[in-house]
Amino acid sequence: MLWAYCLENLLKAVIVSRGLAGKKSEEGTIGLPKVLHGHDLVSLAKTAGIEYLVKDYSDVLAKLSHCSTWYGRYPVPLRPSDLENEDVDFRTVTNVHVRDLDVIYTSIRSELDRDALSKEVEESE
């Protein structure tokens, strides 16, 4: 569950650092942009433009999304449709290899570091 939160926040940081979140919510008021709502790591990775993670690790990201949502954040479904959209097999949710988590973390972190370095170079010119 903590890995899921870690990766979720890193992906959201990449989205913000790349300017993909916007500065205002959809209603025009200051607030959290809709793209940053939710815990779906596959969606967040796509939004961040890290397609290779989705291609190579979509099953791991889906399992972690499930853990983050149901084991920690919401003990019961918020909407009736959440009961119907059960894409993850409960028996395999915790069967995630540490090496996969490390690769995913390192990949997202390097994207974020690359973005920070690019901004530093732009500011120094």
N, C-alpha and C. Protein backbone atom coordinates (compact mmCIF):
# COMPACT_ATOMS: atom_id res chain seq x y z
N MET A 1 0.83 -1.18 0.00
CA MET A 1 0.00 0.00 0.00
C MET A 1 0.88 1.26 0.00
N LEU A 2 1.94 1.24 0.79
CA LEU A 2 2.82 2.41 0.84
C LEU A 2 3.56 2.61 -0.48
N TRP A 3 3.93 1.51 -1.13
CA TRP A 3 4.55 1.63 -2.45
C TRP A 3 3.57 2.31 -3.41
N ALA A 4 2.31 1.94 -3.33
CA ALA A 4 1.30 2.53 -4.21
C ALA A 4 1.21 4.03 -3.98
N TYR A 5 1.19 4.45 -2.73
CA TYR A 5 1.13 5.89 -2.42
C TYR A 5 2.38 6.61 -2.92
N CYS A 6 3.53 5.98 -2.72
CA CYS A 6 4.79 6.57 -3.18
C CYS A 6 4.76 6.79 -4.69
N LEU A 7 4.41 5.75 -5.44
CA LEU A 7 4.40 5.86 -6.90
C LEU A 7 3.34 6.83 -7.38
N GLU A 8 2.19 6.84 -6.71
CA GLU A 8 1.13 7.78 -7.07
C GLU A 8 1.62 9.22 -6.94
N ASN A 9 2.26 9.53 -5.84
CA ASN A 9 2.74 10.89 -5.62
C ASN A 9 3.86 11.26 -6.58
N LEU A 10 4.74 10.31 -6.89
CA LEU A 10 5.79 10.59 -7.87
C LEU A 10 5.19 10.85 -9.26
N LEU A 11 4.21 10.05 -9.66
CA LEU A 11 3.57 10.27 -10.96
C LEU A 11 2.87 11.62 -11.00
N LYS A 12 2.21 11.97 -9.92
CA LYS A 12 1.54 13.29 -9.87
C LYS A 12 2.56 14.42 -9.91
N ALA A 13 3.73 14.20 -9.31
CA ALA A 13 4.80 15.21 -9.37
C ALA A 13 5.31 15.38 -10.80
N VAL A 14 5.44 14.28 -11.54
CA VAL A 14 5.86 14.36 -12.94
C VAL A 14 4.82 15.14 -13.74
N ILE A 15 3.55 14.84 -13.52
CA ILE A 15 2.48 15.53 -14.23
C ILE A 15 2.54 17.03 -13.97
N VAL A 16 2.72 17.41 -12.72
CA VAL A 16 2.80 18.83 -12.36
C VAL A 16 4.05 19.46 -12.95
N SER A 17 5.19 18.76 -12.84
CA SER A 17 6.45 19.34 -13.33
C SER A 17 6.44 19.55 -14.84
N ARG A 18 5.67 18.74 -15.54
CA ARG A 18 5.57 18.88 -17.00
C ARG A 18 4.46 19.83 -17.43
N GLY A 19 3.80 20.43 -16.47
CA GLY A 19 2.74 21.39 -16.79
C GLY A 19 1.49 20.76 -17.36
N LEU A 20 1.26 19.47 -17.08
CA LEU A 20 0.11 18.76 -17.64
C LEU A 20 -1.13 18.85 -16.75
N ALA A 21 -0.99 19.46 -15.59
CA ALA A 21 -2.11 19.52 -14.65
C ALA A 21 -2.88 20.82 -14.77
N GLY A 22 -2.29 21.83 -15.35
CA GLY A 22 -2.95 23.13 -15.41
C GLY A 22 -2.85 23.83 -14.07
N LYS A 23 -3.25 25.08 -14.06
CA LYS A 23 -3.15 25.86 -12.84
C LYS A 23 -4.50 26.03 -12.14
N LYS A 24 -5.57 25.74 -12.84
CA LYS A 24 -6.92 25.89 -12.27
C LYS A 24 -7.72 24.63 -12.49
N SER A 25 -8.70 24.46 -11.65
CA SER A 25 -9.59 23.32 -11.84
C SER A 25 -10.48 23.61 -13.04
N GLU A 26 -11.22 22.63 -13.48
CA GLU A 26 -12.04 22.77 -14.69
C GLU A 26 -13.12 23.84 -14.55
N GLU A 27 -13.55 24.11 -13.32
CA GLU A 27 -14.60 25.10 -13.11
C GLU A 27 -14.06 26.53 -13.12
N GLY A 28 -12.75 26.68 -13.26
CA GLY A 28 -12.15 28.01 -13.31
C GLY A 28 -11.74 28.53 -11.94
N THR A 29 -11.97 27.76 -10.89
CA THR A 29 -11.56 28.18 -9.56
C THR A 29 -10.23 27.54 -9.22
N ILE A 30 -9.52 28.16 -8.32
CA ILE A 30 -8.26 27.60 -7.88
C ILE A 30 -8.57 26.32 -7.11
N GLY A 31 -7.89 25.28 -7.42
CA GLY A 31 -8.11 24.01 -6.74
C GLY A 31 -7.29 22.92 -7.38
N LEU A 32 -7.46 21.74 -6.88
CA LEU A 32 -6.73 20.60 -7.42
C LEU A 32 -7.30 20.22 -8.78
N PRO A 33 -6.48 20.23 -9.82
CA PRO A 33 -6.97 19.85 -11.15
C PRO A 33 -7.48 18.42 -11.17
N LYS A 34 -8.47 18.18 -11.99
CA LYS A 34 -9.12 16.88 -12.06
C LYS A 34 -8.13 15.76 -12.41
N VAL A 35 -7.13 16.07 -13.22
CA VAL A 35 -6.16 15.06 -13.64
C VAL A 35 -5.39 14.49 -12.44
N LEU A 36 -5.35 15.22 -11.34
CA LEU A 36 -4.63 14.76 -10.14
C LEU A 36 -5.54 14.04 -9.15
N HIS A 37 -6.81 13.95 -9.45
CA HIS A 37 -7.73 13.20 -8.60
C HIS A 37 -7.57 11.72 -8.92
N GLY A 38 -7.79 10.90 -7.97
CA GLY A 38 -7.80 9.47 -8.22
C GLY A 38 -6.48 8.80 -7.90
N HIS A 39 -6.53 7.47 -7.95
CA HIS A 39 -5.39 6.66 -7.55
C HIS A 39 -5.00 5.64 -8.61
N ASP A 40 -5.50 5.81 -9.82
CA ASP A 40 -5.24 4.86 -10.90
C ASP A 40 -3.84 5.12 -11.47
N LEU A 41 -2.90 4.27 -11.10
CA LEU A 41 -1.51 4.47 -11.51
C LEU A 41 -1.31 4.30 -13.01
N VAL A 42 -2.11 3.46 -13.65
CA VAL A 42 -2.01 3.29 -15.10
C VAL A 42 -2.39 4.60 -15.78
N SER A 43 -3.50 5.19 -15.36
CA SER A 43 -3.96 6.47 -15.92
C SER A 43 -2.95 7.57 -15.66
N LEU A 44 -2.43 7.61 -14.44
CA LEU A 44 -1.46 8.65 -14.10
C LEU A 44 -0.18 8.50 -14.93
N ALA A 45 0.28 7.27 -15.14
CA ALA A 45 1.48 7.05 -15.95
C ALA A 45 1.24 7.49 -17.40
N LYS A 46 0.04 7.21 -17.92
CA LYS A 46 -0.29 7.65 -19.29
C LYS A 46 -0.31 9.17 -19.36
N THR A 47 -0.94 9.80 -18.39
CA THR A 47 -1.02 11.26 -18.37
C THR A 47 0.37 11.88 -18.27
N ALA A 48 1.24 11.25 -17.49
CA ALA A 48 2.60 11.75 -17.32
C ALA A 48 3.46 11.53 -18.56
N GLY A 49 2.96 10.72 -19.49
CA GLY A 49 3.71 10.45 -20.71
C GLY A 49 4.76 9.37 -20.54
N ILE A 50 4.58 8.52 -19.56
CA ILE A 50 5.55 7.44 -19.32
C ILE A 50 4.90 6.15 -19.82
N GLU A 51 4.73 6.09 -21.12
CA GLU A 51 4.03 4.97 -21.76
C GLU A 51 4.74 3.63 -21.59
N TYR A 52 6.06 3.65 -21.55
CA TYR A 52 6.78 2.38 -21.42
C TYR A 52 6.46 1.67 -20.11
N LEU A 53 6.14 2.43 -19.05
CA LEU A 53 5.73 1.80 -17.80
C LEU A 53 4.39 1.10 -17.96
N VAL A 54 3.47 1.75 -18.67
CA VAL A 54 2.16 1.16 -18.90
C VAL A 54 2.31 -0.11 -19.72
N LYS A 55 3.17 -0.05 -20.72
CA LYS A 55 3.37 -1.21 -21.60
C LYS A 55 3.98 -2.39 -20.84
N ASP A 56 4.99 -2.11 -20.04
CA ASP A 56 5.74 -3.18 -19.38
C ASP A 56 5.20 -3.59 -18.02
N TYR A 57 4.51 -2.69 -17.33
CA TYR A 57 4.12 -2.96 -15.95
C TYR A 57 2.66 -2.64 -15.64
N SER A 58 1.79 -2.70 -16.63
CA SER A 58 0.39 -2.34 -16.38
C SER A 58 -0.26 -3.24 -15.33
N ASP A 59 0.11 -4.52 -15.31
CA ASP A 59 -0.48 -5.42 -14.32
C ASP A 59 -0.05 -5.04 -12.90
N VAL A 60 1.22 -4.69 -12.73
CA VAL A 60 1.72 -4.27 -11.41
C VAL A 60 1.07 -2.96 -10.99
N LEU A 61 0.99 -2.00 -11.92
CA LEU A 61 0.37 -0.72 -11.62
C LEU A 61 -1.10 -0.89 -11.25
N ALA A 62 -1.80 -1.78 -11.94
CA ALA A 62 -3.21 -2.03 -11.62
C ALA A 62 -3.36 -2.64 -10.23
N LYS A 63 -2.49 -3.59 -9.90
CA LYS A 63 -2.54 -4.20 -8.57
C LYS A 63 -2.28 -3.16 -7.47
N LEU A 64 -1.28 -2.33 -7.71
CA LEU A 64 -0.96 -1.30 -6.72
C LEU A 64 -2.08 -0.27 -6.59
N SER A 65 -2.71 0.07 -7.70
CA SER A 65 -3.85 1.00 -7.66
C SER A 65 -4.95 0.42 -6.80
N HIS A 66 -5.19 -0.86 -6.98
CA HIS A 66 -6.21 -1.54 -6.19
C HIS A 66 -5.87 -1.49 -4.70
N CYS A 67 -4.62 -1.78 -4.38
CA CYS A 67 -4.19 -1.74 -2.97
C CYS A 67 -4.36 -0.36 -2.38
N SER A 68 -3.92 0.63 -3.11
CA SER A 68 -3.98 2.01 -2.62
C SER A 68 -5.41 2.44 -2.36
N THR A 69 -6.31 2.04 -3.23
CA THR A 69 -7.71 2.45 -3.10
C THR A 69 -8.44 1.66 -2.03
N TRP A 70 -8.41 0.35 -2.12
CA TRP A 70 -9.28 -0.46 -1.28
C TRP A 70 -8.69 -0.87 0.05
N TYR A 71 -7.38 -0.99 0.15
CA TYR A 71 -6.80 -1.42 1.42
C TYR A 71 -6.49 -0.27 2.35
N GLY A 72 -6.40 0.91 1.82
CA GLY A 72 -6.02 2.03 2.67
C GLY A 72 -6.98 3.18 2.66
N ARG A 73 -7.37 3.59 1.48
CA ARG A 73 -8.12 4.83 1.36
C ARG A 73 -9.62 4.65 1.59
N TYR A 74 -10.22 3.69 0.94
CA TYR A 74 -11.66 3.51 1.00
C TYR A 74 -11.98 2.06 1.34
N PRO A 75 -12.44 1.79 2.55
CA PRO A 75 -12.73 0.39 2.92
C PRO A 75 -13.96 -0.18 2.22
N VAL A 76 -14.82 0.69 1.71
CA VAL A 76 -16.00 0.24 0.96
C VAL A 76 -16.11 1.08 -0.30
N PRO A 77 -16.74 0.55 -1.34
CA PRO A 77 -16.89 1.32 -2.58
C PRO A 77 -17.66 2.62 -2.37
N LEU A 78 -17.26 3.65 -3.09
CA LEU A 78 -17.95 4.94 -3.01
C LEU A 78 -19.15 4.99 -3.94
N ARG A 79 -19.07 4.29 -5.07
CA ARG A 79 -20.15 4.29 -6.06
C ARG A 79 -20.54 2.85 -6.38
N PRO A 80 -21.79 2.61 -6.73
CA PRO A 80 -22.19 1.25 -7.12
C PRO A 80 -21.37 0.71 -8.28
N SER A 81 -20.96 1.58 -9.19
CA SER A 81 -20.17 1.12 -10.34
C SER A 81 -18.81 0.56 -9.92
N ASP A 82 -18.31 0.97 -8.75
CA ASP A 82 -17.03 0.46 -8.27
C ASP A 82 -17.10 -1.04 -7.96
N LEU A 83 -18.28 -1.52 -7.64
CA LEU A 83 -18.45 -2.95 -7.38
C LEU A 83 -18.36 -3.77 -8.66
N GLU A 84 -18.76 -3.16 -9.77
CA GLU A 84 -18.80 -3.86 -11.05
C GLU A 84 -17.46 -3.84 -11.77
N ASN A 85 -16.62 -2.88 -11.48
CA ASN A 85 -15.37 -2.69 -12.21
C ASN A 85 -14.20 -3.33 -11.50
N GLU A 86 -14.33 -4.56 -11.15
CA GLU A 86 -13.28 -5.27 -10.42
C GLU A 86 -12.37 -5.98 -11.41
N ASP A 87 -11.30 -5.29 -11.85
CA ASP A 87 -10.39 -5.83 -12.85
C ASP A 87 -9.24 -6.63 -12.25
N VAL A 88 -9.05 -6.53 -10.96
CA VAL A 88 -7.89 -7.14 -10.32
C VAL A 88 -8.32 -8.33 -9.49
N ASP A 89 -7.62 -9.42 -9.66
CA ASP A 89 -7.89 -10.63 -8.89
C ASP A 89 -7.34 -10.43 -7.47
N PHE A 90 -8.21 -10.51 -6.47
CA PHE A 90 -7.80 -10.30 -5.09
C PHE A 90 -6.65 -11.20 -4.66
N ARG A 91 -6.62 -12.41 -5.19
CA ARG A 91 -5.59 -13.37 -4.77
C ARG A 91 -4.20 -12.96 -5.23
N THR A 92 -4.10 -12.13 -6.24
CA THR A 92 -2.78 -11.78 -6.77
C THR A 92 -2.36 -10.36 -6.44
N VAL A 93 -3.19 -9.62 -5.72
CA VAL A 93 -2.89 -8.21 -5.46
C VAL A 93 -1.57 -8.04 -4.71
N THR A 94 -1.32 -8.88 -3.75
CA THR A 94 -0.10 -8.71 -2.96
C THR A 94 1.09 -9.45 -3.56
N ASN A 95 0.90 -10.09 -4.69
CA ASN A 95 1.97 -10.84 -5.32
C ASN A 95 2.72 -9.95 -6.32
N VAL A 96 3.42 -8.96 -5.79
CA VAL A 96 4.20 -8.03 -6.61
C VAL A 96 5.66 -8.16 -6.20
N HIS A 97 6.53 -8.33 -7.17
CA HIS A 97 7.95 -8.51 -6.89
C HIS A 97 8.62 -7.17 -6.57
N VAL A 98 9.50 -7.21 -5.60
CA VAL A 98 10.22 -6.01 -5.19
C VAL A 98 11.05 -5.45 -6.33
N ARG A 99 11.61 -6.31 -7.16
CA ARG A 99 12.43 -5.81 -8.27
C ARG A 99 11.58 -5.00 -9.25
N ASP A 100 10.31 -5.40 -9.45
CA ASP A 100 9.42 -4.62 -10.31
C ASP A 100 9.14 -3.26 -9.69
N LEU A 101 8.91 -3.24 -8.39
CA LEU A 101 8.67 -1.98 -7.70
C LEU A 101 9.88 -1.07 -7.81
N ASP A 102 11.06 -1.64 -7.68
CA ASP A 102 12.29 -0.86 -7.78
C ASP A 102 12.47 -0.27 -9.18
N VAL A 103 12.19 -1.06 -10.20
CA VAL A 103 12.31 -0.58 -11.58
C VAL A 103 11.31 0.55 -11.83
N ILE A 104 10.08 0.36 -11.39
CA ILE A 104 9.05 1.39 -11.59
C ILE A 104 9.44 2.67 -10.86
N TYR A 105 9.83 2.53 -9.60
CA TYR A 105 10.23 3.70 -8.81
C TYR A 105 11.40 4.43 -9.48
N THR A 106 12.42 3.69 -9.85
CA THR A 106 13.60 4.29 -10.45
C THR A 106 13.26 4.99 -11.77
N SER A 107 12.38 4.38 -12.54
CA SER A 107 11.97 4.98 -13.82
C SER A 107 11.25 6.30 -13.62
N ILE A 108 10.29 6.31 -12.71
CA ILE A 108 9.53 7.55 -12.46
C ILE A 108 10.44 8.60 -11.86
N ARG A 109 11.28 8.20 -10.93
CA ARG A 109 12.19 9.15 -10.29
C ARG A 109 13.15 9.76 -11.30
N SER A 110 13.65 8.95 -12.23
CA SER A 110 14.57 9.49 -13.23
C SER A 110 13.85 10.46 -14.18
N GLU A 111 12.59 10.20 -14.47
CA GLU A 111 11.80 11.14 -15.28
C GLU A 111 11.67 12.47 -14.55
N LEU A 112 11.38 12.40 -13.27
CA LEU A 112 11.23 13.62 -12.47
C LEU A 112 12.56 14.36 -12.37
N ASP A 113 13.64 13.64 -12.15
CA ASP A 113 14.97 14.27 -12.08
C ASP A 113 15.35 14.91 -13.42
N ARG A 114 15.02 14.23 -14.52
CA ARG A 114 15.31 14.76 -15.85
C ARG A 114 14.55 16.06 -16.07
N ASP A 115 13.29 16.10 -15.64
CA ASP A 115 12.49 17.32 -15.77
C ASP A 115 13.10 18.47 -14.98
N ALA A 116 13.56 18.17 -13.76
CA ALA A 116 14.16 19.20 -12.91
C ALA A 116 15.45 19.72 -13.53
N LEU A 117 16.25 18.83 -14.09
CA LEU A 117 17.50 19.24 -14.73
C LEU A 117 17.22 20.10 -15.96
N SER A 118 16.22 19.73 -16.74
CA SER A 118 15.85 20.53 -17.92
C SER A 118 15.42 21.93 -17.52
N LYS A 119 14.67 22.04 -16.42
CA LYS A 119 14.23 23.37 -15.97
C LYS A 119 15.41 24.20 -15.49
N GLU A 120 16.36 23.57 -14.83
CA GLU A 120 17.56 24.29 -14.38
C GLU A 120 18.34 24.82 -15.56
N VAL A 121 18.49 24.02 -16.61
CA VAL A 121 19.22 24.43 -17.81
C VAL A 121 18.49 25.59 -18.48
N GLU A 122 17.17 25.48 -18.60
CA GLU A 122 16.39 26.56 -19.21
C GLU A 122 16.52 27.86 -18.44
N GLU A 123 16.50 27.79 -17.12
CA GLU A 123 16.59 28.99 -16.29
C GLU A 123 17.98 29.63 -16.35
N SER A 124 19.00 28.81 -16.57
CA SER A 124 20.36 29.36 -16.60
C SER A 124 20.70 29.99 -17.94
N GLU A 125 19.91 29.73 -18.96
CA GLU A 125 20.21 30.30 -20.29
C GLU A 125 19.69 31.69 -20.45
